[in-house]
Amino acid sequence: MLILLVVLLVIWLIIAVVGFAFKGLLWLAIIGIVLFIATAIIGFIRRAASKRR
């Protein structure tokens, strides 16, 4: 699960960088940032929940 989370975070980060690198792809950067933040939040919530058990 942790490996999947890290892989998704890296993919979203790459998408955001590509979006900022090309002027016409600013929307791609925004999507990448939103997905990065959402994945990080979900990962932290699931990790905290698994530690409680």
N, C-alpha and C. Protein backbone atom coordinates (compact mmCIF):
# COMPACT_ATOMS: atom_id res chain seq x y z
N MET A 1 0.82 -1.19 0.00
CA MET A 1 0.00 0.00 0.00
C MET A 1 0.87 1.26 0.00
N LEU A 2 1.92 1.25 0.79
CA LEU A 2 2.80 2.40 0.86
C LEU A 2 3.52 2.63 -0.46
N ILE A 3 3.89 1.56 -1.13
CA ILE A 3 4.57 1.69 -2.43
C ILE A 3 3.62 2.31 -3.45
N LEU A 4 2.38 1.89 -3.45
CA LEU A 4 1.38 2.45 -4.36
C LEU A 4 1.19 3.94 -4.09
N LEU A 5 1.14 4.31 -2.84
CA LEU A 5 0.98 5.71 -2.48
C LEU A 5 2.15 6.54 -2.98
N VAL A 6 3.35 6.06 -2.79
CA VAL A 6 4.54 6.78 -3.23
C VAL A 6 4.57 6.89 -4.76
N VAL A 7 4.23 5.82 -5.44
CA VAL A 7 4.20 5.84 -6.91
C VAL A 7 3.19 6.86 -7.41
N LEU A 8 2.00 6.89 -6.83
CA LEU A 8 0.99 7.85 -7.24
C LEU A 8 1.44 9.29 -6.97
N LEU A 9 2.07 9.52 -5.82
CA LEU A 9 2.56 10.86 -5.52
C LEU A 9 3.62 11.31 -6.52
N VAL A 10 4.49 10.40 -6.91
CA VAL A 10 5.53 10.74 -7.90
C VAL A 10 4.90 11.04 -9.26
N ILE A 11 3.92 10.25 -9.65
CA ILE A 11 3.24 10.47 -10.94
C ILE A 11 2.56 11.83 -10.95
N TRP A 12 1.83 12.17 -9.87
CA TRP A 12 1.13 13.46 -9.81
C TRP A 12 2.13 14.61 -9.82
N LEU A 13 3.27 14.42 -9.16
CA LEU A 13 4.30 15.47 -9.14
C LEU A 13 4.88 15.69 -10.53
N ILE A 14 5.12 14.61 -11.26
CA ILE A 14 5.63 14.72 -12.63
C ILE A 14 4.62 15.42 -13.53
N ILE A 15 3.35 15.09 -13.37
CA ILE A 15 2.30 15.74 -14.17
C ILE A 15 2.26 17.24 -13.88
N ALA A 16 2.40 17.61 -12.61
CA ALA A 16 2.38 19.02 -12.24
C ALA A 16 3.58 19.76 -12.84
N VAL A 17 4.75 19.15 -12.79
CA VAL A 17 5.95 19.78 -13.35
C VAL A 17 5.82 19.96 -14.85
N VAL A 18 5.31 18.95 -15.54
CA VAL A 18 5.11 19.05 -16.99
C VAL A 18 4.10 20.16 -17.29
N GLY A 19 3.06 20.25 -16.47
CA GLY A 19 2.06 21.31 -16.67
C GLY A 19 2.64 22.70 -16.51
N PHE A 20 3.56 22.89 -15.55
CA PHE A 20 4.18 24.19 -15.37
C PHE A 20 5.24 24.46 -16.43
N ALA A 21 5.84 23.43 -16.98
CA ALA A 21 6.91 23.60 -17.96
C ALA A 21 6.38 24.13 -19.30
N PHE A 22 5.18 23.76 -19.64
CA PHE A 22 4.58 24.20 -20.90
C PHE A 22 3.45 25.18 -20.60
N LYS A 23 3.48 26.33 -21.23
CA LYS A 23 2.50 27.38 -20.94
C LYS A 23 1.06 26.93 -21.15
N GLY A 24 0.80 26.22 -22.20
CA GLY A 24 -0.57 25.83 -22.52
C GLY A 24 -1.12 24.72 -21.66
N LEU A 25 -0.28 24.14 -20.82
CA LEU A 25 -0.73 23.01 -20.01
C LEU A 25 -0.85 23.37 -18.53
N LEU A 26 -1.20 24.61 -18.26
CA LEU A 26 -1.36 25.02 -16.87
C LEU A 26 -2.46 24.22 -16.18
N TRP A 27 -3.50 23.89 -16.92
CA TRP A 27 -4.58 23.08 -16.36
C TRP A 27 -4.07 21.72 -15.89
N LEU A 28 -3.07 21.18 -16.60
CA LEU A 28 -2.49 19.90 -16.22
C LEU A 28 -1.75 20.03 -14.90
N ALA A 29 -1.09 21.15 -14.69
CA ALA A 29 -0.39 21.39 -13.43
C ALA A 29 -1.38 21.48 -12.28
N ILE A 30 -2.48 22.14 -12.51
CA ILE A 30 -3.50 22.27 -11.45
C ILE A 30 -4.08 20.91 -11.10
N ILE A 31 -4.38 20.11 -12.10
CA ILE A 31 -4.89 18.76 -11.85
C ILE A 31 -3.86 17.93 -11.10
N GLY A 32 -2.60 18.03 -11.50
CA GLY A 32 -1.53 17.28 -10.83
C GLY A 32 -1.40 17.66 -9.37
N ILE A 33 -1.49 18.96 -9.08
CA ILE A 33 -1.39 19.42 -7.69
C ILE A 33 -2.58 18.94 -6.86
N VAL A 34 -3.77 19.04 -7.42
CA VAL A 34 -4.97 18.60 -6.70
C VAL A 34 -4.90 17.10 -6.41
N LEU A 35 -4.51 16.31 -7.40
CA LEU A 35 -4.40 14.87 -7.19
C LEU A 35 -3.29 14.53 -6.20
N PHE A 36 -2.19 15.26 -6.23
CA PHE A 36 -1.10 15.04 -5.28
C PHE A 36 -1.59 15.27 -3.86
N ILE A 37 -2.26 16.38 -3.64
CA ILE A 37 -2.76 16.70 -2.30
C ILE A 37 -3.80 15.69 -1.84
N ALA A 38 -4.72 15.32 -2.72
CA ALA A 38 -5.76 14.36 -2.37
C ALA A 38 -5.15 13.00 -2.03
N THR A 39 -4.19 12.55 -2.80
CA THR A 39 -3.54 11.26 -2.54
C THR A 39 -2.78 11.30 -1.22
N ALA A 40 -2.10 12.40 -0.95
CA ALA A 40 -1.36 12.52 0.30
C ALA A 40 -2.31 12.49 1.50
N ILE A 41 -3.42 13.20 1.42
CA ILE A 41 -4.39 13.22 2.52
C ILE A 41 -4.98 11.83 2.75
N ILE A 42 -5.39 11.17 1.69
CA ILE A 42 -5.96 9.83 1.81
C ILE A 42 -4.93 8.86 2.39
N GLY A 43 -3.69 8.97 1.94
CA GLY A 43 -2.64 8.11 2.46
C GLY A 43 -2.39 8.31 3.94
N PHE A 44 -2.35 9.57 4.38
CA PHE A 44 -2.14 9.85 5.80
C PHE A 44 -3.30 9.36 6.64
N ILE A 45 -4.52 9.51 6.15
CA ILE A 45 -5.70 9.06 6.89
C ILE A 45 -5.69 7.54 7.03
N ARG A 46 -5.42 6.84 5.95
CA ARG A 46 -5.38 5.38 6.01
C ARG A 46 -4.24 4.87 6.88
N ARG A 47 -3.11 5.55 6.82
CA ARG A 47 -1.97 5.14 7.64
C ARG A 47 -2.25 5.35 9.12
N ALA A 48 -2.89 6.46 9.45
CA ALA A 48 -3.25 6.74 10.84
C ALA A 48 -4.29 5.74 11.34
N ALA A 49 -5.22 5.37 10.47
CA ALA A 49 -6.26 4.42 10.86
C ALA A 49 -5.66 3.02 11.09
N SER A 50 -4.67 2.66 10.31
CA SER A 50 -4.07 1.33 10.47
C SER A 50 -3.20 1.27 11.73
N LYS A 51 -2.66 2.40 12.17
CA LYS A 51 -1.86 2.43 13.39
C LYS A 51 -2.73 2.31 14.63
N ARG A 52 -3.97 2.72 14.54
CA ARG A 52 -4.89 2.66 15.69
C ARG A 52 -5.30 1.24 16.03
N ARG A 53 -5.23 0.36 15.07
CA ARG A 53 -5.70 -1.02 15.29
C ARG A 53 -4.73 -1.78 16.10
